[in-house]
Protein backbone atom coordinates (compact mmCIF):
# COMPACT_ATOMS: atom_id res chain seq x y z
CA UNK A 1 -13.55 27.49 -16.53
CA UNK A 2 -11.06 28.46 -13.85
CA UNK A 3 -12.63 26.01 -11.42
CA UNK A 4 -11.89 23.12 -13.81
CA UNK A 5 -8.25 24.16 -14.08
CA UNK A 6 -8.06 24.43 -10.29
CA UNK A 7 -9.56 20.95 -9.84
CA UNK A 8 -7.18 19.51 -12.45
CA UNK A 9 -4.13 21.04 -10.77
CA UNK A 10 -5.29 19.81 -7.36
CA UNK A 11 -5.71 16.27 -8.71
CA UNK A 12 -2.29 16.31 -10.36
CA UNK A 13 -0.60 17.60 -7.23
CA UNK A 14 -2.29 14.98 -5.05
CA UNK A 15 -1.19 12.18 -7.39
CA UNK A 16 2.34 13.58 -7.41
CA UNK A 17 2.39 13.78 -3.62
CA UNK A 18 1.10 10.21 -3.33
CA UNK A 19 3.77 9.01 -5.77
CA UNK A 20 6.54 10.78 -3.85
CA UNK A 21 5.35 9.34 -0.53
CA UNK A 22 5.37 5.83 -2.01
CA UNK A 23 8.87 6.41 -3.41
CA UNK A 24 10.14 7.56 -0.01
CA UNK A 25 8.57 4.58 1.77
CA UNK A 26 10.01 2.11 -0.75
CA UNK A 27 13.39 3.83 -0.48
CA UNK A 28 13.40 3.44 3.28
CA UNK A 29 12.47 -0.25 2.97
CA UNK A 30 15.34 -0.89 0.55
CA UNK A 31 17.75 0.98 2.85
CA UNK A 32 16.73 -1.25 5.76
CA UNK A 33 17.28 -4.37 3.66
CA UNK A 34 20.66 -3.08 2.51
CA UNK A 35 21.71 -2.34 6.11
CA UNK A 36 20.62 -5.81 7.22
CA UNK A 37 22.66 -7.36 4.39
CA UNK A 38 25.74 -5.37 5.40
CA UNK A 39 25.35 -6.42 9.05
CA UNK A 40 24.96 -10.07 8.11
CA UNK A 41 28.05 -9.87 5.86
CA UNK A 42 30.10 -8.41 8.74
CA UNK A 43 28.91 -11.16 11.07
CA UNK A 44 29.83 -13.84 8.54
CA UNK A 45 33.33 -12.37 8.18
CA UNK A 46 33.83 -12.41 11.95
CA UNK A 47 32.92 -16.09 12.14
């Protein structure tokens, strides 16, 4: 019985870890896009 609980907890933790990694990657992508937008806005103001 304990082995089933252990397997269940391991599966839940792996899914949680995968979800958090995806969230971090998507967050970094959106930060890059935001920075590029800010840079392009500054360049447009200079011109």
